[in-house]
Amino acid sequence: NHAMGILYYDGDTVAPAGSVEVRALTLGELSKMSYELITAPDFIEALELLNANKEELSDLDKRKISELYREYDNTRKIPMQEMVDFNIHLTESSAVWHKAKENNDFASFAPYLQKTFDTLRKFAKYTDPDKDPYDVCLDKYERGLTRERCEEFFGALREKLVPLITKVVNAKQIDDSVLKLNYPKAQQEKFTEFLVDIMDIDRNHFAVGETEHPFTINFTSKDVRITTHYYENNLASSMYSVIHEGG
């Protein structure tokens, strides 16, 4: 998983565009190995034993076993080759997305996006056939969250936000022209270094890359990477990205 994460980050930041085909196959092979490891009989036997006796474990180990069992239970329900093919597809999709974003060409990316949606719906039916696929996907990232709870939350939020946004829009605007002057990328990179220092981030376990859309990837507690994107006439964009992702 660590190796797959490194390859993903490399592909989104500094890898040459022509490397995507081989990188996708490599990620596919690694995902196959990961699948085989987590569904191996000896691993399952150990996991079942620990899960059955989890009350004897420390809170930390209890949580680890809970997370591993959840990962195993979801993985085993999806056919291995379909999982491998999907990981290859995601790598290829990422390369297409980067190019499409640069050229403002959604049409070229649309088929890849559609395949991603279709596959995730299919996987959701594998893992929890009685649940709405959207709820399955929500629960993957936020336990217990459902579409119904989201609609209730955002409905309540909308009541407060809409009047506030209207008030802000109609208020006297702050002069932010200083943020829209020309700031060469080299200067912004130095500013990024300044922000990282201000946030007191340990450089021994942290790195900043550059990509079309900023993101954070956490390999381990000792290896966290973020990305940003520099617009020479929009200083705030990268500044807030670095603060958000790094914070």
C-alpha atoms as a PDB file:
ATOM      1  CA  ASN A   1       0.000   0.000   0.000  1.00  0.00           C
ATOM      2  CA  HIS A   2       2.901   2.322   0.770  1.00  0.00           C
ATOM      3  CA  ALA A   3       4.465   1.544  -2.610  1.00  0.00           C
ATOM      4  CA  MET A   4       1.150   2.182  -4.381  1.00  0.00           C
ATOM      5  CA  GLY A   5       0.810   5.496  -2.578  1.00  0.00           C
ATOM      6  CA  ILE A   6       4.295   6.602  -3.625  1.00  0.00           C
ATOM      7  CA  LEU A   7       3.602   5.700  -7.260  1.00  0.00           C
ATOM      8  CA  TYR A   8       0.279   7.559  -7.163  1.00  0.00           C
ATOM      9  CA  TYR A   9       1.900  10.689  -5.723  1.00  0.00           C
ATOM     10  CA  ASP A  10       4.764  10.497  -8.205  1.00  0.00           C
ATOM     11  CA  GLY A  11       2.302  10.127 -11.082  1.00  0.00           C
ATOM     12  CA  ASP A  12       0.366  13.210  -9.996  1.00  0.00           C
ATOM     13  CA  THR A  13       3.426  15.399  -9.467  1.00  0.00           C
ATOM     14  CA  VAL A  14       6.711  14.764 -11.309  1.00  0.00           C
ATOM     15  CA  ALA A  15       6.360  11.576 -13.365  1.00  0.00           C
ATOM     16  CA  PRO A  16       6.592  12.087 -17.155  1.00  0.00           C
ATOM     17  CA  ALA A  17       3.256  11.875 -18.965  1.00  0.00           C
ATOM     18  CA  GLY A  18       4.440   8.954 -21.080  1.00  0.00           C
ATOM     19  CA  SER A  19       4.989   6.768 -18.016  1.00  0.00           C
ATOM     20  CA  VAL A  20       1.310   6.234 -17.260  1.00  0.00           C
ATOM     21  CA  GLU A  21       0.882   2.912 -19.073  1.00  0.00           C
ATOM     22  CA  VAL A  22       3.690   1.117 -17.252  1.00  0.00           C
ATOM     23  CA  ARG A  23       2.855   2.802 -13.958  1.00  0.00           C
ATOM     24  CA  ALA A  24      -0.772   1.656 -14.269  1.00  0.00           C
ATOM     25  CA  LEU A  25       0.320  -1.950 -14.826  1.00  0.00           C
ATOM     26  CA  THR A  26       2.683  -1.758 -11.850  1.00  0.00           C
ATOM     27  CA  LEU A  27      -0.079  -0.400  -9.618  1.00  0.00           C
ATOM     28  CA  GLY A  28      -2.385  -3.121 -10.887  1.00  0.00           C
ATOM     29  CA  GLU A  29       0.138  -5.804  -9.956  1.00  0.00           C
ATOM     30  CA  LEU A  30       0.710  -4.276  -6.513  1.00  0.00           C
ATOM     31  CA  SER A  31      -3.033  -4.091  -5.878  1.00  0.00           C
ATOM     32  CA  LYS A  32      -3.254  -7.791  -6.771  1.00  0.00           C
ATOM     33  CA  MET A  33      -0.545  -8.566  -4.209  1.00  0.00           C
ATOM     34  CA  SER A  34      -2.370  -6.480  -1.608  1.00  0.00           C
ATOM     35  CA  TYR A  35      -5.621  -8.328  -2.336  1.00  0.00           C
ATOM     36  CA  GLU A  36      -3.914 -11.725  -2.047  1.00  0.00           C
ATOM     37  CA  LEU A  37      -2.295 -10.779   1.270  1.00  0.00           C
ATOM     38  CA  ILE A  38      -5.460  -9.536   2.953  1.00  0.00           C
ATOM     39  CA  THR A  39      -7.495 -12.551   1.783  1.00  0.00           C
ATOM     40  CA  ALA A  40      -4.790 -15.164   2.502  1.00  0.00           C
ATOM     41  CA  PRO A  41      -6.061 -18.049   4.723  1.00  0.00           C
ATOM     42  CA  ASP A  42      -3.364 -17.597   7.402  1.00  0.00           C
ATOM     43  CA  PHE A  43      -4.058 -13.860   7.606  1.00  0.00           C
ATOM     44  CA  ILE A  44      -7.814 -14.453   7.912  1.00  0.00           C
ATOM     45  CA  GLU A  45      -7.247 -17.097  10.595  1.00  0.00           C
ATOM     46  CA  ALA A  46      -5.128 -14.691  12.644  1.00  0.00           C
ATOM     47  CA  LEU A  47      -7.615 -11.871  12.112  1.00  0.00           C
ATOM     48  CA  GLU A  48     -10.583 -14.007  13.155  1.00  0.00           C
ATOM     49  CA  LEU A  49      -8.751 -15.147  16.299  1.00  0.00           C
ATOM     50  CA  LEU A  50      -7.820 -11.608  17.293  1.00  0.00           C
ATOM     51  CA  ASN A  51     -11.299 -10.299  16.511  1.00  0.00           C
ATOM     52  CA  ALA A  52     -12.889 -13.020  18.627  1.00  0.00           C
ATOM     53  CA  ASN A  53     -10.653 -12.077  21.560  1.00  0.00           C
ATOM     54  CA  LYS A  54     -10.480  -8.327  21.024  1.00  0.00           C
ATOM     55  CA  GLU A  55     -11.607  -7.530  24.578  1.00  0.00           C
ATOM     56  CA  GLU A  56      -8.221  -8.796  25.755  1.00  0.00           C
ATOM     57  CA  LEU A  57      -6.393  -6.313  23.521  1.00  0.00           C
ATOM     58  CA  SER A  58      -5.347  -2.736  24.210  1.00  0.00           C
ATOM     59  CA  ASP A  59      -7.611   0.004  22.855  1.00  0.00           C
ATOM     60  CA  LEU A  60      -5.094   0.739  20.089  1.00  0.00           C
ATOM     61  CA  ASP A  61      -4.781  -2.887  18.971  1.00  0.00           C
ATOM     62  CA  LYS A  62      -8.535  -3.318  19.256  1.00  0.00           C
ATOM     63  CA  ARG A  63      -8.972  -0.417  16.829  1.00  0.00           C
ATOM     64  CA  LYS A  64      -6.337  -1.802  14.452  1.00  0.00           C
ATOM     65  CA  ILE A  65      -8.094  -5.168  14.341  1.00  0.00           C
ATOM     66  CA  SER A  66     -11.456  -3.484  13.782  1.00  0.00           C
ATOM     67  CA  GLU A  67     -10.074  -1.512  10.835  1.00  0.00           C
ATOM     68  CA  LEU A  68      -8.266  -4.512   9.332  1.00  0.00           C
ATOM     69  CA  TYR A  69     -11.360  -6.688   9.649  1.00  0.00           C
ATOM     70  CA  ARG A  70     -13.463  -4.026   7.946  1.00  0.00           C
ATOM     71  CA  GLU A  71     -10.924  -3.767   5.110  1.00  0.00           C
ATOM     72  CA  TYR A  72     -10.781  -7.554   4.724  1.00  0.00           C
ATOM     73  CA  ASP A  73     -14.571  -7.913   4.801  1.00  0.00           C
ATOM     74  CA  ASN A  74     -15.045  -5.303   2.058  1.00  0.00           C
ATOM     75  CA  THR A  75     -12.139  -6.530  -0.072  1.00  0.00           C
ATOM     76  CA  ARG A  76     -13.122 -10.194  -0.131  1.00  0.00           C
ATOM     77  CA  LYS A  77     -16.564  -9.367  -1.575  1.00  0.00           C
ATOM     78  CA  ILE A  78     -15.064  -7.801  -4.714  1.00  0.00           C
ATOM     79  CA  PRO A  79     -13.563 -10.140  -7.340  1.00  0.00           C
ATOM     80  CA  MET A  80      -9.797  -9.695  -7.418  1.00  0.00           C
ATOM     81  CA  GLN A  81      -9.454  -9.082 -11.159  1.00  0.00           C
ATOM     82  CA  GLU A  82     -12.148  -6.418 -11.046  1.00  0.00           C
ATOM     83  CA  MET A  83     -10.252  -4.685  -8.238  1.00  0.00           C
ATOM     84  CA  VAL A  84      -6.993  -4.871 -10.227  1.00  0.00           C
ATOM     85  CA  ASP A  85      -8.651  -3.565 -13.394  1.00  0.00           C
ATOM     86  CA  PHE A  86     -10.193  -0.679 -11.449  1.00  0.00           C
ATOM     87  CA  ASN A  87      -6.835   0.381 -10.003  1.00  0.00           C
ATOM     88  CA  ILE A  88      -5.351   0.372 -13.508  1.00  0.00           C
ATOM     89  CA  HIS A  89      -8.315   2.426 -14.711  1.00  0.00           C
ATOM     90  CA  LEU A  90      -7.863   4.993 -11.913  1.00  0.00           C
ATOM     91  CA  THR A  91      -4.211   5.509 -12.823  1.00  0.00           C
ATOM     92  CA  GLU A  92      -5.064   6.006 -16.490  1.00  0.00           C
ATOM     93  CA  SER A  93      -7.972   8.291 -15.538  1.00  0.00           C
ATOM     94  CA  SER A  94      -5.733  10.522 -13.457  1.00  0.00           C
ATOM     95  CA  ALA A  95      -3.425  11.138 -16.421  1.00  0.00           C
ATOM     96  CA  VAL A  96      -6.391  11.971 -18.674  1.00  0.00           C
ATOM     97  CA  TRP A  97      -7.885  14.270 -16.024  1.00  0.00           C
ATOM     98  CA  HIS A  98      -4.669  16.306 -15.713  1.00  0.00           C
ATOM     99  CA  LYS A  99      -4.554  16.895 -19.439  1.00  0.00           C
ATOM    100  CA  ALA A 100      -8.298  17.632 -19.639  1.00  0.00           C
ATOM    101  CA  LYS A 101      -8.065  20.198 -16.833  1.00  0.00           C
ATOM    102  CA  GLU A 102      -5.162  21.995 -18.502  1.00  0.00           C
ATOM    103  CA  ASN A 103      -7.113  22.189 -21.774  1.00  0.00           C
ATOM    104  CA  ASN A 104     -10.563  22.782 -20.244  1.00  0.00           C
ATOM    105  CA  ASP A 105     -11.706  19.630 -22.068  1.00  0.00           C
ATOM    106  CA  PHE A 106     -14.271  17.814 -19.929  1.00  0.00           C
ATOM    107  CA  ALA A 107     -15.491  15.724 -22.866  1.00  0.00           C
ATOM    108  CA  SER A 108     -12.217  13.787 -23.028  1.00  0.00           C
ATOM    109  CA  PHE A 109     -12.458  12.889 -19.344  1.00  0.00           C
ATOM    110  CA  ALA A 110     -16.207  12.159 -19.217  1.00  0.00           C
ATOM    111  CA  PRO A 111     -15.986   8.466 -20.285  1.00  0.00           C
ATOM    112  CA  TYR A 112     -13.376   7.769 -17.591  1.00  0.00           C
ATOM    113  CA  LEU A 113     -15.512   9.492 -14.969  1.00  0.00           C
ATOM    114  CA  GLN A 114     -18.572   7.506 -16.045  1.00  0.00           C
ATOM    115  CA  LYS A 115     -16.667   4.231 -15.776  1.00  0.00           C
ATOM    116  CA  THR A 116     -15.490   5.214 -12.290  1.00  0.00           C
ATOM    117  CA  PHE A 117     -19.067   5.915 -11.164  1.00  0.00           C
ATOM    118  CA  ASP A 118     -20.348   2.687 -12.688  1.00  0.00           C
ATOM    119  CA  THR A 119     -17.612   0.620 -11.074  1.00  0.00           C
ATOM    120  CA  LEU A 120     -18.095   2.163  -7.641  1.00  0.00           C
ATOM    121  CA  ARG A 121     -21.831   1.498  -7.849  1.00  0.00           C
ATOM    122  CA  LYS A 122     -21.044  -2.096  -8.768  1.00  0.00           C
ATOM    123  CA  PHE A 123     -18.564  -2.471  -5.905  1.00  0.00           C
ATOM    124  CA  ALA A 124     -21.101  -0.976  -3.481  1.00  0.00           C
ATOM    125  CA  LYS A 125     -23.572  -3.667  -4.465  1.00  0.00           C
ATOM    126  CA  TYR A 126     -20.905  -6.304  -3.850  1.00  0.00           C
ATOM    127  CA  THR A 127     -20.077  -5.046  -0.361  1.00  0.00           C
ATOM    128  CA  ASP A 128     -23.568  -4.109   0.845  1.00  0.00           C
ATOM    129  CA  PRO A 129     -26.306  -5.075  -1.647  1.00  0.00           C
ATOM    130  CA  ASP A 130     -29.173  -3.934   0.589  1.00  0.00           C
ATOM    131  CA  LYS A 131     -27.880  -0.380   1.003  1.00  0.00           C
ATOM    132  CA  ASP A 132     -28.059   2.582  -1.354  1.00  0.00           C
ATOM    133  CA  PRO A 133     -24.701   2.767  -3.225  1.00  0.00           C
ATOM    134  CA  TYR A 134     -24.328   6.425  -2.296  1.00  0.00           C
ATOM    135  CA  ASP A 135     -24.703   5.570   1.392  1.00  0.00           C
ATOM    136  CA  VAL A 136     -22.100   2.813   1.021  1.00  0.00           C
ATOM    137  CA  CYS A 137     -19.622   5.307  -0.419  1.00  0.00           C
ATOM    138  CA  LEU A 138     -20.399   7.891   2.292  1.00  0.00           C
ATOM    139  CA  ASP A 139     -19.907   5.311   5.023  1.00  0.00           C
ATOM    140  CA  LYS A 140     -16.494   4.420   3.612  1.00  0.00           C
ATOM    141  CA  TYR A 141     -15.151   7.866   4.465  1.00  0.00           C
ATOM    142  CA  GLU A 142     -17.436   8.933   7.323  1.00  0.00           C
ATOM    143  CA  ARG A 143     -18.821   6.062   9.397  1.00  0.00           C
ATOM    144  CA  GLY A 144     -22.575   6.070   9.779  1.00  0.00           C
ATOM    145  CA  LEU A 145     -23.122   8.993   7.416  1.00  0.00           C
ATOM    146  CA  THR A 146     -26.087   8.629   5.052  1.00  0.00           C
ATOM    147  CA  ARG A 147     -27.633  10.742   2.323  1.00  0.00           C
ATOM    148  CA  GLU A 148     -30.593  11.435   4.622  1.00  0.00           C
ATOM    149  CA  ARG A 149     -28.324  12.794   7.368  1.00  0.00           C
ATOM    150  CA  CYS A 150     -26.392  14.862   4.800  1.00  0.00           C
ATOM    151  CA  GLU A 151     -29.571  16.439   3.469  1.00  0.00           C
ATOM    152  CA  GLU A 152     -30.747  17.218   6.999  1.00  0.00           C
ATOM    153  CA  PHE A 153     -27.382  18.779   7.907  1.00  0.00           C
ATOM    154  CA  PHE A 154     -26.988  20.834   4.734  1.00  0.00           C
ATOM    155  CA  GLY A 155     -30.621  21.894   4.926  1.00  0.00           C
ATOM    156  CA  ALA A 156     -30.001  23.367   8.384  1.00  0.00           C
ATOM    157  CA  LEU A 157     -26.728  24.890   7.216  1.00  0.00           C
ATOM    158  CA  ARG A 158     -28.386  26.492   4.200  1.00  0.00           C
ATOM    159  CA  GLU A 159     -30.829  28.392   6.426  1.00  0.00           C
ATOM    160  CA  LYS A 160     -27.929  30.196   8.100  1.00  0.00           C
ATOM    161  CA  LEU A 161     -25.526  30.439   5.179  1.00  0.00           C
ATOM    162  CA  VAL A 162     -27.745  31.903   2.462  1.00  0.00           C
ATOM    163  CA  PRO A 163     -28.604  35.083   4.442  1.00  0.00           C
ATOM    164  CA  LEU A 164     -24.956  35.420   5.496  1.00  0.00           C
ATOM    165  CA  ILE A 165     -23.673  35.062   1.926  1.00  0.00           C
ATOM    166  CA  THR A 166     -26.229  37.615   0.723  1.00  0.00           C
ATOM    167  CA  LYS A 167     -25.088  40.019   3.438  1.00  0.00           C
ATOM    168  CA  VAL A 168     -21.429  39.563   2.481  1.00  0.00           C
ATOM    169  CA  VAL A 169     -22.102  40.029  -1.236  1.00  0.00           C
ATOM    170  CA  ASN A 170     -24.007  43.259  -0.587  1.00  0.00           C
ATOM    171  CA  ALA A 171     -21.435  44.619   1.856  1.00  0.00           C
ATOM    172  CA  LYS A 172     -18.571  46.924   0.975  1.00  0.00           C
ATOM    173  CA  GLN A 173     -15.907  44.787  -0.621  1.00  0.00           C
ATOM    174  CA  ILE A 174     -12.377  44.663   0.734  1.00  0.00           C
ATOM    175  CA  ASP A 175      -9.698  45.742  -1.698  1.00  0.00           C
ATOM    176  CA  ASP A 176      -7.888  42.484  -2.461  1.00  0.00           C
ATOM    177  CA  SER A 177      -6.057  43.714  -5.554  1.00  0.00           C
ATOM    178  CA  VAL A 178      -2.717  43.089  -3.844  1.00  0.00           C
ATOM    179  CA  LEU A 179      -3.422  39.366  -4.088  1.00  0.00           C
ATOM    180  CA  LYS A 180      -3.945  39.625  -7.847  1.00  0.00           C
ATOM    181  CA  LEU A 181      -0.683  41.280  -8.798  1.00  0.00           C
ATOM    182  CA  ASN A 182       1.910  39.271 -10.689  1.00  0.00           C
ATOM    183  CA  TYR A 183       3.800  36.915  -8.376  1.00  0.00           C
ATOM    184  CA  PRO A 184       6.278  34.667 -10.247  1.00  0.00           C
ATOM    185  CA  LYS A 185       6.162  30.999  -9.348  1.00  0.00           C
ATOM    186  CA  ALA A 186       9.675  31.111  -7.858  1.00  0.00           C
ATOM    187  CA  GLN A 187       8.561  33.782  -5.368  1.00  0.00           C
ATOM    188  CA  GLN A 188       5.453  31.816  -4.445  1.00  0.00           C
ATOM    189  CA  GLU A 189       7.561  28.711  -3.821  1.00  0.00           C
ATOM    190  CA  LYS A 190       9.637  30.721  -1.327  1.00  0.00           C
ATOM    191  CA  PHE A 191       6.388  31.929   0.263  1.00  0.00           C
ATOM    192  CA  THR A 192       5.268  28.292   0.571  1.00  0.00           C
ATOM    193  CA  GLU A 193       8.469  27.537   2.479  1.00  0.00           C
ATOM    194  CA  PHE A 194       7.711  30.487   4.761  1.00  0.00           C
ATOM    195  CA  LEU A 195       4.173  29.212   5.433  1.00  0.00           C
ATOM    196  CA  VAL A 196       5.448  25.713   6.226  1.00  0.00           C
ATOM    197  CA  ASP A 197       7.875  27.206   8.753  1.00  0.00           C
ATOM    198  CA  ILE A 198       5.144  29.406  10.278  1.00  0.00           C
ATOM    199  CA  MET A 199       2.964  26.297  10.760  1.00  0.00           C
ATOM    200  CA  ASP A 200       5.942  24.604  12.444  1.00  0.00           C
ATOM    201  CA  ILE A 201       5.760  21.524  10.219  1.00  0.00           C
ATOM    202  CA  ASP A 202       8.612  19.030  10.593  1.00  0.00           C
ATOM    203  CA  ARG A 203      10.441  19.026   7.253  1.00  0.00           C
ATOM    204  CA  ASN A 204      11.956  15.612   8.003  1.00  0.00           C
ATOM    205  CA  HIS A 205       8.529  14.027   7.552  1.00  0.00           C
ATOM    206  CA  PHE A 206       6.826  16.394   5.110  1.00  0.00           C
ATOM    207  CA  ALA A 207       7.154  17.463   1.480  1.00  0.00           C
ATOM    208  CA  VAL A 208       5.314  19.794  -0.902  1.00  0.00           C
ATOM    209  CA  GLY A 209       4.732  18.909  -4.552  1.00  0.00           C
ATOM    210  CA  GLU A 210       2.876  20.594  -7.385  1.00  0.00           C
ATOM    211  CA  THR A 211      -0.160  19.336  -9.254  1.00  0.00           C
ATOM    212  CA  GLU A 212      -3.282  20.610 -11.003  1.00  0.00           C
ATOM    213  CA  HIS A 213      -5.479  20.212  -7.932  1.00  0.00           C
ATOM    214  CA  PRO A 214      -4.033  20.317  -4.385  1.00  0.00           C
ATOM    215  CA  PHE A 215      -4.349  17.266  -2.161  1.00  0.00           C
ATOM    216  CA  THR A 216      -2.788  15.574   0.873  1.00  0.00           C
ATOM    217  CA  ILE A 217      -1.582  11.985   1.004  1.00  0.00           C
ATOM    218  CA  ASN A 218      -0.607  10.452   4.319  1.00  0.00           C
ATOM    219  CA  PHE A 219       1.618   7.385   3.844  1.00  0.00           C
ATOM    220  CA  THR A 220       2.511   7.086   7.531  1.00  0.00           C
ATOM    221  CA  SER A 221       2.810   9.439  10.498  1.00  0.00           C
ATOM    222  CA  LYS A 222       6.425   9.935   9.401  1.00  0.00           C
ATOM    223  CA  ASP A 223       5.746  10.626   5.711  1.00  0.00           C
ATOM    224  CA  VAL A 224       3.075  13.150   4.742  1.00  0.00           C
ATOM    225  CA  ARG A 225       2.985  14.836   1.321  1.00  0.00           C
ATOM    226  CA  ILE A 226       0.854  17.720   0.117  1.00  0.00           C
ATOM    227  CA  THR A 227       0.562  19.457  -3.230  1.00  0.00           C
ATOM    228  CA  THR A 228      -0.336  22.947  -4.334  1.00  0.00           C
ATOM    229  CA  HIS A 229      -0.856  24.793  -7.611  1.00  0.00           C
ATOM    230  CA  TYR A 230       0.638  28.183  -8.450  1.00  0.00           C
ATOM    231  CA  TYR A 231      -1.242  30.870 -10.381  1.00  0.00           C
ATOM    232  CA  GLU A 232       0.961  33.888 -10.983  1.00  0.00           C
ATOM    233  CA  ASN A 233      -1.982  36.323 -10.753  1.00  0.00           C
ATOM    234  CA  ASN A 234      -3.708  34.683  -7.790  1.00  0.00           C
ATOM    235  CA  LEU A 235      -1.454  34.519  -4.742  1.00  0.00           C
ATOM    236  CA  ALA A 236      -4.280  33.495  -2.408  1.00  0.00           C
ATOM    237  CA  SER A 237      -4.942  30.239  -4.270  1.00  0.00           C
ATOM    238  CA  SER A 238      -1.667  28.525  -3.384  1.00  0.00           C
ATOM    239  CA  MET A 239      -1.420  30.295  -0.024  1.00  0.00           C
ATOM    240  CA  TYR A 240      -4.744  28.887   1.174  1.00  0.00           C
ATOM    241  CA  SER A 241      -4.007  25.488  -0.380  1.00  0.00           C
ATOM    242  CA  VAL A 242      -0.780  25.157   1.577  1.00  0.00           C
ATOM    243  CA  ILE A 243      -2.452  26.305   4.798  1.00  0.00           C
ATOM    244  CA  HIS A 244      -5.398  23.951   4.279  1.00  0.00           C
ATOM    245  CA  GLU A 245      -3.463  20.875   3.165  1.00  0.00           C
ATOM    246  CA  GLY A 246      -0.546  21.402   5.527  1.00  0.00           C
ATOM    247  CA  GLY A 247      -2.717  22.294   8.489  1.00  0.00           C
END
